[in-house]
Amino acid sequence: MFRSECITTLAFSLHDGRVKKKEELSELQKREAIIELPSLSEYVSFIFNFQTALTGPVNFYSDYLAFIDGVHVVRTKDGKEPSAVGASMRKLAESILYLLIIAQFGATYPPELIAEKE
């Protein structure tokens, strides 16, 4: 379902960029219009990207390109891209904490305690 939505948004963006006149477009259509056809690899990577792999939301192709190019990345004070190591280590620590909580208290609170009896 999400694949067809991705294909449809790409088709409308291409139509807006290649067929319609700029005077006929709304501000959103002007921003999302695509003039150039994406290559096969760009097309496939847009259709099967991780952001919309299972649940969505569907993104416009221009938003996807901005994500790939890193346009929205907030740079540090010295102009460099921030490292993902700190955020990754924090997520790893949280995962280990939750694993320890489940290992410690999992036997005390079995799933049958919260499951509905049918």
PDB file of N, CA and C in Angstrom:
ATOM      1  N   MET A   1       0.817  -1.190   0.000  1.00  0.00           N
ATOM      2  CA  MET A   1       0.000   0.000   0.000  1.00  0.00           C
ATOM      3  C   MET A   1       0.865   1.261   0.000  1.00  0.00           C
ATOM      4  N   PHE A   2       1.897   1.275   0.854  1.00  0.00           N
ATOM      5  CA  PHE A   2       2.754   2.450   0.914  1.00  0.00           C
ATOM      6  C   PHE A   2       3.564   2.613  -0.358  1.00  0.00           C
ATOM      7  N   ARG A   3       3.888   1.502  -1.011  1.00  0.00           N
ATOM      8  CA  ARG A   3       4.628   1.594  -2.278  1.00  0.00           C
ATOM      9  C   ARG A   3       3.798   2.344  -3.313  1.00  0.00           C
ATOM     10  N   SER A   4       2.511   2.013  -3.387  1.00  0.00           N
ATOM     11  CA  SER A   4       1.667   2.694  -4.376  1.00  0.00           C
ATOM     12  C   SER A   4       1.520   4.179  -4.031  1.00  0.00           C
ATOM     13  N   GLU A   5       1.492   4.515  -2.755  1.00  0.00           N
ATOM     14  CA  GLU A   5       1.427   5.926  -2.365  1.00  0.00           C
ATOM     15  C   GLU A   5       2.718   6.652  -2.729  1.00  0.00           C
ATOM     16  N   CYS A   6       3.860   5.988  -2.535  1.00  0.00           N
ATOM     17  CA  CYS A   6       5.139   6.594  -2.916  1.00  0.00           C
ATOM     18  C   CYS A   6       5.196   6.833  -4.414  1.00  0.00           C
ATOM     19  N   ILE A   7       4.774   5.845  -5.180  1.00  0.00           N
ATOM     20  CA  ILE A   7       4.780   5.970  -6.638  1.00  0.00           C
ATOM     21  C   ILE A   7       3.832   7.079  -7.076  1.00  0.00           C
ATOM     22  N   THR A   8       2.673   7.168  -6.442  1.00  0.00           N
ATOM     23  CA  THR A   8       1.696   8.196  -6.801  1.00  0.00           C
ATOM     24  C   THR A   8       2.212   9.596  -6.491  1.00  0.00           C
ATOM     25  N   THR A   9       2.807   9.796  -5.313  1.00  0.00           N
ATOM     26  CA  THR A   9       3.338  11.126  -4.991  1.00  0.00           C
ATOM     27  C   THR A   9       4.468  11.506  -5.935  1.00  0.00           C
ATOM     28  N   LEU A  10       5.298  10.541  -6.298  1.00  0.00           N
ATOM     29  CA  LEU A  10       6.371  10.816  -7.252  1.00  0.00           C
ATOM     30  C   LEU A  10       5.797  11.182  -8.617  1.00  0.00           C
ATOM     31  N   ALA A  11       4.761  10.466  -9.049  1.00  0.00           N
ATOM     32  CA  ALA A  11       4.140  10.749 -10.346  1.00  0.00           C
ATOM     33  C   ALA A  11       3.520  12.143 -10.368  1.00  0.00           C
ATOM     34  N   PHE A  12       2.828  12.522  -9.312  1.00  0.00           N
ATOM     35  CA  PHE A  12       2.231  13.858  -9.264  1.00  0.00           C
ATOM     36  C   PHE A  12       3.304  14.944  -9.211  1.00  0.00           C
ATOM     37  N   SER A  13       4.385  14.698  -8.479  1.00  0.00           N
ATOM     38  CA  SER A  13       5.470  15.679  -8.421  1.00  0.00           C
ATOM     39  C   SER A  13       6.133  15.841  -9.785  1.00  0.00           C
ATOM     40  N   LEU A  14       6.313  14.729 -10.498  1.00  0.00           N
ATOM     41  CA  LEU A  14       6.864  14.803 -11.854  1.00  0.00           C
ATOM     42  C   LEU A  14       5.912  15.534 -12.791  1.00  0.00           C
ATOM     43  N   HIS A  15       4.630  15.255 -12.664  1.00  0.00           N
ATOM     44  CA  HIS A  15       3.636  15.932 -13.500  1.00  0.00           C
ATOM     45  C   HIS A  15       3.643  17.438 -13.232  1.00  0.00           C
ATOM     46  N   ASP A  16       3.725  17.806 -11.966  1.00  0.00           N
ATOM     47  CA  ASP A  16       3.752  19.225 -11.613  1.00  0.00           C
ATOM     48  C   ASP A  16       5.004  19.912 -12.156  1.00  0.00           C
ATOM     49  N   GLY A  17       6.124  19.216 -12.133  1.00  0.00           N
ATOM     50  CA  GLY A  17       7.375  19.821 -12.571  1.00  0.00           C
ATOM     51  C   GLY A  17       7.577  19.833 -14.071  1.00  0.00           C
ATOM     52  N   ARG A  18       7.003  18.853 -14.772  1.00  0.00           N
ATOM     53  CA  ARG A  18       7.289  18.729 -16.199  1.00  0.00           C
ATOM     54  C   ARG A  18       6.141  19.139 -17.105  1.00  0.00           C
ATOM     55  N   VAL A  19       4.905  19.110 -16.623  1.00  0.00           N
ATOM     56  CA  VAL A  19       3.754  19.353 -17.491  1.00  0.00           C
ATOM     57  C   VAL A  19       3.065  20.677 -17.167  1.00  0.00           C
ATOM     58  N   LYS A  20       2.780  20.888 -15.904  1.00  0.00           N
ATOM     59  CA  LYS A  20       2.012  22.082 -15.523  1.00  0.00           C
ATOM     60  C   LYS A  20       2.857  23.348 -15.599  1.00  0.00           C
ATOM     61  N   LYS A  21       2.174  24.464 -15.808  1.00  0.00           N
ATOM     62  CA  LYS A  21       2.835  25.766 -15.796  1.00  0.00           C
ATOM     63  C   LYS A  21       2.982  26.230 -14.351  1.00  0.00           C
ATOM     64  N   LYS A  22       4.024  26.989 -14.078  1.00  0.00           N
ATOM     65  CA  LYS A  22       4.280  27.444 -12.704  1.00  0.00           C
ATOM     66  C   LYS A  22       3.149  28.293 -12.149  1.00  0.00           C
ATOM     67  N   GLU A  23       2.453  29.006 -13.018  1.00  0.00           N
ATOM     68  CA  GLU A  23       1.357  29.861 -12.556  1.00  0.00           C
ATOM     69  C   GLU A  23       0.184  29.043 -12.027  1.00  0.00           C
ATOM     70  N   GLU A  24       0.046  27.810 -12.488  1.00  0.00           N
ATOM     71  CA  GLU A  24      -1.067  26.950 -12.081  1.00  0.00           C
ATOM     72  C   GLU A  24      -0.804  26.223 -10.765  1.00  0.00           C
ATOM     73  N   LEU A  25       0.423  26.254 -10.289  1.00  0.00           N
ATOM     74  CA  LEU A  25       0.804  25.468  -9.115  1.00  0.00           C
ATOM     75  C   LEU A  25       0.618  26.250  -7.822  1.00  0.00           C
ATOM     76  N   SER A  26       0.251  25.520  -6.767  1.00  0.00           N
ATOM     77  CA  SER A  26       0.206  26.116  -5.430  1.00  0.00           C
ATOM     78  C   SER A  26       1.637  26.184  -4.887  1.00  0.00           C
ATOM     79  N   GLU A  27       1.805  26.798  -3.730  1.00  0.00           N
ATOM     80  CA  GLU A  27       3.138  26.905  -3.133  1.00  0.00           C
ATOM     81  C   GLU A  27       3.715  25.523  -2.826  1.00  0.00           C
ATOM     82  N   LEU A  28       2.879  24.628  -2.302  1.00  0.00           N
ATOM     83  CA  LEU A  28       3.334  23.271  -2.003  1.00  0.00           C
ATOM     84  C   LEU A  28       3.749  22.551  -3.279  1.00  0.00           C
ATOM     85  N   GLN A  29       2.957  22.671  -4.325  1.00  0.00           N
ATOM     86  CA  GLN A  29       3.290  22.017  -5.587  1.00  0.00           C
ATOM     87  C   GLN A  29       4.581  22.573  -6.178  1.00  0.00           C
ATOM     88  N   LYS A  30       4.793  23.875  -6.046  1.00  0.00           N
ATOM     89  CA  LYS A  30       6.038  24.466  -6.543  1.00  0.00           C
ATOM     90  C   LYS A  30       7.237  23.920  -5.784  1.00  0.00           C
ATOM     91  N   ARG A  31       7.085  23.779  -4.468  1.00  0.00           N
ATOM     92  CA  ARG A  31       8.189  23.283  -3.651  1.00  0.00           C
ATOM     93  C   ARG A  31       8.492  21.816  -3.932  1.00  0.00           C
ATOM     94  N   GLU A  32       7.465  21.013  -4.178  1.00  0.00           N
ATOM     95  CA  GLU A  32       7.641  19.573  -4.351  1.00  0.00           C
ATOM     96  C   GLU A  32       7.778  19.134  -5.805  1.00  0.00           C
ATOM     97  N   ALA A  33       7.680  20.066  -6.743  1.00  0.00           N
ATOM     98  CA  ALA A  33       7.753  19.711  -8.166  1.00  0.00           C
ATOM     99  C   ALA A  33       9.137  19.170  -8.517  1.00  0.00           C
ATOM    100  N   ILE A  34       9.149  18.150  -9.373  1.00  0.00           N
ATOM    101  CA  ILE A  34      10.391  17.527  -9.827  1.00  0.00           C
ATOM    102  C   ILE A  34      10.474  17.702 -11.337  1.00  0.00           C
ATOM    103  N   ILE A  35      11.552  18.283 -11.801  1.00  0.00           N
ATOM    104  CA  ILE A  35      11.720  18.518 -13.229  1.00  0.00           C
ATOM    105  C   ILE A  35      12.464  17.362 -13.886  1.00  0.00           C
ATOM    106  N   GLU A  36      13.443  16.832 -13.195  1.00  0.00           N
ATOM    107  CA  GLU A  36      14.313  15.804 -13.751  1.00  0.00           C
ATOM    108  C   GLU A  36      13.860  14.411 -13.309  1.00  0.00           C
ATOM    109  N   LEU A  37      13.824  13.473 -14.248  1.00  0.00           N
ATOM    110  CA  LEU A  37      13.475  12.090 -13.906  1.00  0.00           C
ATOM    111  C   LEU A  37      14.564  11.483 -13.029  1.00  0.00           C
ATOM    112  N   PRO A  38      14.205  10.802 -11.956  1.00  0.00           N
ATOM    113  CA  PRO A  38      15.236  10.141 -11.148  1.00  0.00           C
ATOM    114  C   PRO A  38      15.789   8.923 -11.891  1.00  0.00           C
ATOM    115  N   SER A  39      17.034   8.587 -11.602  1.00  0.00           N
ATOM    116  CA  SER A  39      17.622   7.381 -12.193  1.00  0.00           C
ATOM    117  C   SER A  39      16.950   6.153 -11.586  1.00  0.00           C
ATOM    118  N   LEU A  40      17.223   4.999 -12.150  1.00  0.00           N
ATOM    119  CA  LEU A  40      16.613   3.762 -11.653  1.00  0.00           C
ATOM    120  C   LEU A  40      17.009   3.502 -10.199  1.00  0.00           C
ATOM    121  N   SER A  41      18.280   3.700  -9.872  1.00  0.00           N
ATOM    122  CA  SER A  41      18.712   3.455  -8.490  1.00  0.00           C
ATOM    123  C   SER A  41      18.082   4.459  -7.521  1.00  0.00           C
ATOM    124  N   GLU A  42      17.949   5.726  -7.927  1.00  0.00           N
ATOM    125  CA  GLU A  42      17.286   6.719  -7.078  1.00  0.00           C
ATOM    126  C   GLU A  42      15.815   6.377  -6.885  1.00  0.00           C
ATOM    127  N   TYR A  43      15.183   5.941  -7.953  1.00  0.00           N
ATOM    128  CA  TYR A  43      13.765   5.569  -7.892  1.00  0.00           C
ATOM    129  C   TYR A  43      13.554   4.392  -6.938  1.00  0.00           C
ATOM    130  N   VAL A  44      14.352   3.351  -7.084  1.00  0.00           N
ATOM    131  CA  VAL A  44      14.207   2.162  -6.235  1.00  0.00           C
ATOM    132  C   VAL A  44      14.533   2.500  -4.783  1.00  0.00           C
ATOM    133  N   SER A  45      15.562   3.312  -4.563  1.00  0.00           N
ATOM    134  CA  SER A  45      15.898   3.667  -3.179  1.00  0.00           C
ATOM    135  C   SER A  45      14.806   4.520  -2.543  1.00  0.00           C
ATOM    136  N   PHE A  46      14.127   5.350  -3.330  1.00  0.00           N
ATOM    137  CA  PHE A  46      13.009   6.133  -2.796  1.00  0.00           C
ATOM    138  C   PHE A  46      11.826   5.231  -2.454  1.00  0.00           C
ATOM    139  N   ILE A  47      11.508   4.305  -3.330  1.00  0.00           N
ATOM    140  CA  ILE A  47      10.351   3.435  -3.121  1.00  0.00           C
ATOM    141  C   ILE A  47      10.567   2.505  -1.926  1.00  0.00           C
ATOM    142  N   PHE A  48      11.790   2.006  -1.748  1.00  0.00           N
ATOM    143  CA  PHE A  48      12.058   1.034  -0.687  1.00  0.00           C
ATOM    144  C   PHE A  48      12.913   1.606   0.438  1.00  0.00           C
ATOM    145  N   ASN A  49      12.840   2.905   0.695  1.00  0.00           N
ATOM    146  CA  ASN A  49      13.685   3.487   1.735  1.00  0.00           C
ATOM    147  C   ASN A  49      13.219   3.068   3.124  1.00  0.00           C
ATOM    148  N   PHE A  50      14.141   3.162   4.066  1.00  0.00           N
ATOM    149  CA  PHE A  50      13.880   2.685   5.425  1.00  0.00           C
ATOM    150  C   PHE A  50      12.780   3.470   6.123  1.00  0.00           C
ATOM    151  N   GLN A  51      12.679   4.766   5.830  1.00  0.00           N
ATOM    152  CA  GLN A  51      11.681   5.601   6.510  1.00  0.00           C
ATOM    153  C   GLN A  51      10.266   5.088   6.306  1.00  0.00           C
ATOM    154  N   THR A  52       9.965   4.588   5.120  1.00  0.00           N
ATOM    155  CA  THR A  52       8.596   4.172   4.809  1.00  0.00           C
ATOM    156  C   THR A  52       8.497   2.675   4.559  1.00  0.00           C
ATOM    157  N   ALA A  53       9.454   1.911   5.055  1.00  0.00           N
ATOM    158  CA  ALA A  53       9.508   0.486   4.734  1.00  0.00           C
ATOM    159  C   ALA A  53       8.249  -0.270   5.150  1.00  0.00           C
ATOM    160  N   LEU A  54       7.752  -0.029   6.340  1.00  0.00           N
ATOM    161  CA  LEU A  54       6.606  -0.800   6.817  1.00  0.00           C
ATOM    162  C   LEU A  54       5.387   0.048   7.148  1.00  0.00           C
ATOM    163  N   THR A  55       5.614   1.177   7.769  1.00  0.00           N
ATOM    164  CA  THR A  55       4.466   1.907   8.303  1.00  0.00           C
ATOM    165  C   THR A  55       4.295   3.320   7.794  1.00  0.00           C
ATOM    166  N   GLY A  56       5.240   3.856   7.104  1.00  0.00           N
ATOM    167  CA  GLY A  56       5.091   5.217   6.634  1.00  0.00           C
ATOM    168  C   GLY A  56       5.744   6.190   7.588  1.00  0.00           C
ATOM    169  N   PRO A  57       5.509   7.431   7.488  1.00  0.00           N
ATOM    170  CA  PRO A  57       4.612   8.127   6.577  1.00  0.00           C
ATOM    171  C   PRO A  57       5.231   8.258   5.198  1.00  0.00           C
ATOM    172  N   VAL A  58       4.398   8.502   4.233  1.00  0.00           N
ATOM    173  CA  VAL A  58       4.878   8.684   2.878  1.00  0.00           C
ATOM    174  C   VAL A  58       5.504  10.070   2.774  1.00  0.00           C
ATOM    175  N   ASN A  59       6.685  10.142   2.192  1.00  0.00           N
ATOM    176  CA  ASN A  59       7.384  11.411   2.008  1.00  0.00           C
ATOM    177  C   ASN A  59       7.367  11.806   0.543  1.00  0.00           C
ATOM    178  N   PHE A  60       7.481  13.087   0.302  1.00  0.00           N
ATOM    179  CA  PHE A  60       7.687  13.555  -1.060  1.00  0.00           C
ATOM    180  C   PHE A  60       9.114  13.231  -1.476  1.00  0.00           C
ATOM    181  N   TYR A  61       9.324  13.118  -2.776  1.00  0.00           N
ATOM    182  CA  TYR A  61      10.650  12.801  -3.296  1.00  0.00           C
ATOM    183  C   TYR A  61      11.656  13.899  -2.941  1.00  0.00           C
ATOM    184  N   SER A  62      11.236  15.142  -2.974  1.00  0.00           N
ATOM    185  CA  SER A  62      12.145  16.244  -2.636  1.00  0.00           C
ATOM    186  C   SER A  62      12.567  16.175  -1.162  1.00  0.00           C
ATOM    187  N   ASP A  63      11.658  15.775  -0.280  1.00  0.00           N
ATOM    188  CA  ASP A  63      12.009  15.596   1.133  1.00  0.00           C
ATOM    189  C   ASP A  63      12.984  14.443   1.307  1.00  0.00           C
ATOM    190  N   TYR A  64      12.782  13.380   0.531  1.00  0.00           N
ATOM    191  CA  TYR A  64      13.686  12.232   0.578  1.00  0.00           C
ATOM    192  C   TYR A  64      15.087  12.644   0.126  1.00  0.00           C
ATOM    193  N   LEU A  65      15.179  13.412  -0.959  1.00  0.00           N
ATOM    194  CA  LEU A  65      16.488  13.873  -1.438  1.00  0.00           C
ATOM    195  C   LEU A  65      17.163  14.770  -0.406  1.00  0.00           C
ATOM    196  N   ALA A  66      16.394  15.630   0.250  1.00  0.00           N
ATOM    197  CA  ALA A  66      16.956  16.494   1.294  1.00  0.00           C
ATOM    198  C   ALA A  66      17.485  15.651   2.454  1.00  0.00           C
ATOM    199  N   PHE A  67      16.776  14.568   2.793  1.00  0.00           N
ATOM    200  CA  PHE A  67      17.227  13.663   3.852  1.00  0.00           C
ATOM    201  C   PHE A  67      18.523  12.968   3.443  1.00  0.00           C
ATOM    202  N   ILE A  68      18.578  12.475   2.210  1.00  0.00           N
ATOM    203  CA  ILE A  68      19.768  11.774   1.724  1.00  0.00           C
ATOM    204  C   ILE A  68      20.963  12.730   1.662  1.00  0.00           C
ATOM    205  N   ASP A  69      20.734  13.957   1.221  1.00  0.00           N
ATOM    206  CA  ASP A  69      21.816  14.934   1.106  1.00  0.00           C
ATOM    207  C   ASP A  69      22.212  15.536   2.448  1.00  0.00           C
ATOM    208  N   GLY A  70      21.422  15.308   3.487  1.00  0.00           N
ATOM    209  CA  GLY A  70      21.737  15.830   4.810  1.00  0.00           C
ATOM    210  C   GLY A  70      21.490  17.315   4.951  1.00  0.00           C
ATOM    211  N   VAL A  71      20.513  17.828   4.225  1.00  0.00           N
ATOM    212  CA  VAL A  71      20.216  19.259   4.248  1.00  0.00           C
ATOM    213  C   VAL A  71      19.755  19.706   5.631  1.00  0.00           C
ATOM    214  N   HIS A  72      19.011  18.875   6.334  1.00  0.00           N
ATOM    215  CA  HIS A  72      18.414  19.264   7.611  1.00  0.00           C
ATOM    216  C   HIS A  72      19.305  18.957   8.818  1.00  0.00           C
ATOM    217  N   VAL A  73      20.531  18.511   8.577  1.00  0.00           N
ATOM    218  CA  VAL A  73      21.433  18.195   9.676  1.00  0.00           C
ATOM    219  C   VAL A  73      21.912  19.496  10.314  1.00  0.00           C
ATOM    220  N   VAL A  74      21.756  19.592  11.611  1.00  0.00           N
ATOM    221  CA  VAL A  74      22.207  20.779  12.338  1.00  0.00           C
ATOM    222  C   VAL A  74      23.697  20.617  12.617  1.00  0.00           C
ATOM    223  N   ARG A  75      24.472  21.515  12.120  1.00  0.00           N
ATOM    224  CA  ARG A  75      25.927  21.449  12.258  1.00  0.00           C
ATOM    225  C   ARG A  75      26.370  21.986  13.625  1.00  0.00           C
ATOM    226  N   THR A  76      27.550  21.558  14.035  1.00  0.00           N
ATOM    227  CA  THR A  76      28.113  22.046  15.291  1.00  0.00           C
ATOM    228  C   THR A  76      28.605  23.481  15.106  1.00  0.00           C
ATOM    229  N   LYS A  77      29.074  24.090  16.175  1.00  0.00           N
ATOM    230  CA  LYS A  77      29.522  25.486  16.111  1.00  0.00           C
ATOM    231  C   LYS A  77      30.694  25.688  15.158  1.00  0.00           C
ATOM    232  N   ASP A  78      31.542  24.665  15.024  1.00  0.00           N
ATOM    233  CA  ASP A  78      32.679  24.800  14.114  1.00  0.00           C
ATOM    234  C   ASP A  78      32.352  24.356  12.686  1.00  0.00           C
ATOM    235  N   GLY A  79      31.075  24.079  12.386  1.00  0.00           N
ATOM    236  CA  GLY A  79      30.642  23.785  11.023  1.00  0.00           C
ATOM    237  C   GLY A  79      30.705  22.329  10.613  1.00  0.00           C
ATOM    238  N   LYS A  80      31.021  21.442  11.527  1.00  0.00           N
ATOM    239  CA  LYS A  80      31.120  20.017  11.192  1.00  0.00           C
ATOM    240  C   LYS A  80      29.800  19.309  11.469  1.00  0.00           C
ATOM    241  N   GLU A  81      29.618  18.171  10.790  1.00  0.00           N
ATOM    242  CA  GLU A  81      28.436  17.353  11.068  1.00  0.00           C
ATOM    243  C   GLU A  81      28.619  16.669  12.418  1.00  0.00           C
ATOM    244  N   PRO A  82      27.571  16.608  13.222  1.00  0.00           N
ATOM    245  CA  PRO A  82      27.703  15.972  14.533  1.00  0.00           C
ATOM    246  C   PRO A  82      27.896  14.466  14.399  1.00  0.00           C
ATOM    247  N   SER A  83      28.596  13.906  15.352  1.00  0.00           N
ATOM    248  CA  SER A  83      28.836  12.469  15.359  1.00  0.00           C
ATOM    249  C   SER A  83      27.617  11.742  15.917  1.00  0.00           C
ATOM    250  N   ALA A  84      27.345  10.575  15.390  1.00  0.00           N
ATOM    251  CA  ALA A  84      26.222   9.773  15.862  1.00  0.00           C
ATOM    252  C   ALA A  84      26.637   8.820  16.980  1.00  0.00           C
ATOM    253  N   VAL A  85      27.891   8.861  17.367  1.00  0.00           N
ATOM    254  CA  VAL A  85      28.395   7.925  18.372  1.00  0.00           C
ATOM    255  C   VAL A  85      27.706   8.137  19.716  1.00  0.00           C
ATOM    256  N   GLY A  86      27.550   9.373  20.153  1.00  0.00           N
ATOM    257  CA  GLY A  86      26.924   9.650  21.449  1.00  0.00           C
ATOM    258  C   GLY A  86      25.493   9.154  21.511  1.00  0.00           C
ATOM    259  N   ALA A  87      24.715   9.450  20.476  1.00  0.00           N
ATOM    260  CA  ALA A  87      23.320   9.000  20.441  1.00  0.00           C
ATOM    261  C   ALA A  87      23.247   7.481  20.364  1.00  0.00           C
ATOM    262  N   SER A  88      24.144   6.874  19.607  1.00  0.00           N
ATOM    263  CA  SER A  88      24.150   5.412  19.486  1.00  0.00           C
ATOM    264  C   SER A  88      24.494   4.750  20.812  1.00  0.00           C
ATOM    265  N   MET A  89      25.464   5.291  21.522  1.00  0.00           N
ATOM    266  CA  MET A  89      25.847   4.729  22.818  1.00  0.00           C
ATOM    267  C   MET A  89      24.720   4.879  23.836  1.00  0.00           C
ATOM    268  N   ARG A  90      24.011   6.014  23.787  1.00  0.00           N
ATOM    269  CA  ARG A  90      22.878   6.210  24.691  1.00  0.00           C
ATOM    270  C   ARG A  90      21.790   5.173  24.411  1.00  0.00           C
ATOM    271  N   LYS A  91      21.487   4.923  23.136  1.00  0.00           N
ATOM    272  CA  LYS A  91      20.478   3.918  22.778  1.00  0.00           C
ATOM    273  C   LYS A  91      20.929   2.521  23.196  1.00  0.00           C
ATOM    274  N   LEU A  92      22.212   2.231  23.034  1.00  0.00           N
ATOM    275  CA  LEU A  92      22.740   0.939  23.459  1.00  0.00           C
ATOM    276  C   LEU A  92      22.616   0.776  24.970  1.00  0.00           C
ATOM    277  N   ALA A  93      22.938   1.818  25.724  1.00  0.00           N
ATOM    278  CA  ALA A  93      22.821   1.758  27.184  1.00  0.00           C
ATOM    279  C   ALA A  93      21.370   1.560  27.611  1.00  0.00           C
ATOM    280  N   GLU A  94      20.442   2.250  26.952  1.00  0.00           N
ATOM    281  CA  GLU A  94      19.022   2.064  27.263  1.00  0.00           C
ATOM    282  C   GLU A  94      18.587   0.633  26.971  1.00  0.00           C
ATOM    283  N   SER A  95      19.037   0.085  25.866  1.00  0.00           N
ATOM    284  CA  SER A  95      18.673  -1.291  25.505  1.00  0.00           C
ATOM    285  C   SER A  95      19.183  -2.283  26.537  1.00  0.00           C
ATOM    286  N   ILE A  96      20.414  -2.088  26.977  1.00  0.00           N
ATOM    287  CA  ILE A  96      20.982  -2.980  27.994  1.00  0.00           C
ATOM    288  C   ILE A  96      20.225  -2.836  29.306  1.00  0.00           C
ATOM    289  N   LEU A  97      19.853  -1.613  29.674  1.00  0.00           N
ATOM    290  CA  LEU A  97      19.078  -1.390  30.895  1.00  0.00           C
ATOM    291  C   LEU A  97      17.741  -2.126  30.830  1.00  0.00           C
ATOM    292  N   TYR A  98      17.034  -1.989  29.710  1.00  0.00           N
ATOM    293  CA  TYR A  98      15.745  -2.670  29.567  1.00  0.00           C
ATOM    294  C   TYR A  98      15.917  -4.185  29.548  1.00  0.00           C
ATOM    295  N   LEU A  99      16.989  -4.664  28.957  1.00  0.00           N
ATOM    296  CA  LEU A  99      17.271  -6.099  28.959  1.00  0.00           C
ATOM    297  C   LEU A  99      17.471  -6.602  30.387  1.00  0.00           C
ATOM    298  N   LEU A 100      18.211  -5.850  31.180  1.00  0.00           N
ATOM    299  CA  LEU A 100      18.440  -6.240  32.573  1.00  0.00           C
ATOM    300  C   LEU A 100      17.148  -6.199  33.387  1.00  0.00           C
ATOM    301  N   ILE A 101      16.308  -5.206  33.144  1.00  0.00           N
ATOM    302  CA  ILE A 101      15.022  -5.130  33.847  1.00  0.00           C
ATOM    303  C   ILE A 101      14.161  -6.333  33.508  1.00  0.00           C
ATOM    304  N   ILE A 102      14.095  -6.686  32.242  1.00  0.00           N
ATOM    305  CA  ILE A 102      13.294  -7.846  31.831  1.00  0.00           C
ATOM    306  C   ILE A 102      13.877  -9.132  32.389  1.00  0.00           C
ATOM    307  N   ALA A 103      15.206  -9.261  32.382  1.00  0.00           N
ATOM    308  CA  ALA A 103      15.837 -10.463  32.920  1.00  0.00           C
ATOM    309  C   ALA A 103      15.593 -10.580  34.422  1.00  0.00           C
ATOM    310  N   GLN A 104      15.601  -9.460  35.124  1.00  0.00           N
ATOM    311  CA  GLN A 104      15.418  -9.479  36.576  1.00  0.00           C
ATOM    312  C   GLN A 104      13.966  -9.720  36.977  1.00  0.00           C
ATOM    313  N   PHE A 105      13.041  -9.029  36.329  1.00  0.00           N
ATOM    314  CA  PHE A 105      11.648  -9.067  36.764  1.00  0.00           C
ATOM    315  C   PHE A 105      10.735  -9.868  35.839  1.00  0.00           C
ATOM    316  N   GLY A 106      11.266 -10.441  34.784  1.00  0.00           N
ATOM    317  CA  GLY A 106      10.439 -11.181  33.833  1.00  0.00           C
ATOM    318  C   GLY A 106       9.761 -12.392  34.448  1.00  0.00           C
ATOM    319  N   ALA A 107      10.462 -13.107  35.304  1.00  0.00           N
ATOM    320  CA  ALA A 107       9.878 -14.294  35.935  1.00  0.00           C
ATOM    321  C   ALA A 107       8.857 -13.909  37.005  1.00  0.00           C
ATOM    322  N   THR A 108       9.024 -12.762  37.621  1.00  0.00           N
ATOM    323  CA  THR A 108       8.105 -12.304  38.657  1.00  0.00           C
ATOM    324  C   THR A 108       6.753 -11.930  38.073  1.00  0.00           C
ATOM    325  N   TYR A 109       6.753 -11.361  36.896  1.00  0.00           N
ATOM    326  CA  TYR A 109       5.527 -10.906  36.233  1.00  0.00           C
ATOM    327  C   TYR A 109       5.366 -11.628  34.896  1.00  0.00           C
ATOM    328  N   PRO A 110       4.817 -12.834  34.907  1.00  0.00           N
ATOM    329  CA  PRO A 110       4.674 -13.596  33.666  1.00  0.00           C
ATOM    330  C   PRO A 110       3.629 -12.962  32.737  1.00  0.00           C
ATOM    331  N   PRO A 111       3.696 -13.243  31.448  1.00  0.00           N
ATOM    332  CA  PRO A 111       2.735 -12.677  30.493  1.00  0.00           C
ATOM    333  C   PRO A 111       1.286 -13.058  30.798  1.00  0.00           C
ATOM    334  N   GLU A 112       1.081 -14.202  31.425  1.00  0.00           N
ATOM    335  CA  GLU A 112      -0.275 -14.635  31.750  1.00  0.00           C
ATOM    336  C   GLU A 112      -0.954 -13.675  32.727  1.00  0.00           C
ATOM    337  N   LEU A 113      -0.166 -12.924  33.455  1.00  0.00           N
ATOM    338  CA  LEU A 113      -0.689 -11.979  34.425  1.00  0.00           C
ATOM    339  C   LEU A 113      -1.442 -10.834  33.741  1.00  0.00           C
ATOM    340  N   ILE A 114      -0.988 -10.441  32.571  1.00  0.00           N
ATOM    341  CA  ILE A 114      -1.636  -9.331  31.875  1.00  0.00           C
ATOM    342  C   ILE A 114      -2.470  -9.779  30.684  1.00  0.00           C
ATOM    343  N   ALA A 115      -2.368 -11.033  30.295  1.00  0.00           N
ATOM    344  CA  ALA A 115      -3.124 -11.527  29.142  1.00  0.00           C
ATOM    345  C   ALA A 115      -4.580 -11.765  29.523  1.00  0.00           C
ATOM    346  N   GLU A 116      -5.461 -11.534  28.571  1.00  0.00           N
ATOM    347  CA  GLU A 116      -6.883 -11.771  28.807  1.00  0.00           C
ATOM    348  C   GLU A 116      -7.191 -13.262  28.689  1.00  0.00           C
ATOM    349  N   LYS A 117      -8.060 -13.727  29.562  1.00  0.00           N
ATOM    350  CA  LYS A 117      -8.482 -15.122  29.485  1.00  0.00           C
ATOM    351  C   LYS A 117      -9.720 -15.188  28.622  1.00  0.00           C
ATOM    352  N   GLU A 118      -9.650 -16.009  27.589  1.00  0.00           N
ATOM    353  CA  GLU A 118     -10.785 -16.112  26.666  1.00  0.00           C
ATOM    354  C   GLU A 118     -11.549 -17.392  26.889  1.00  0.00           C
TER     355      GLU A 118
END
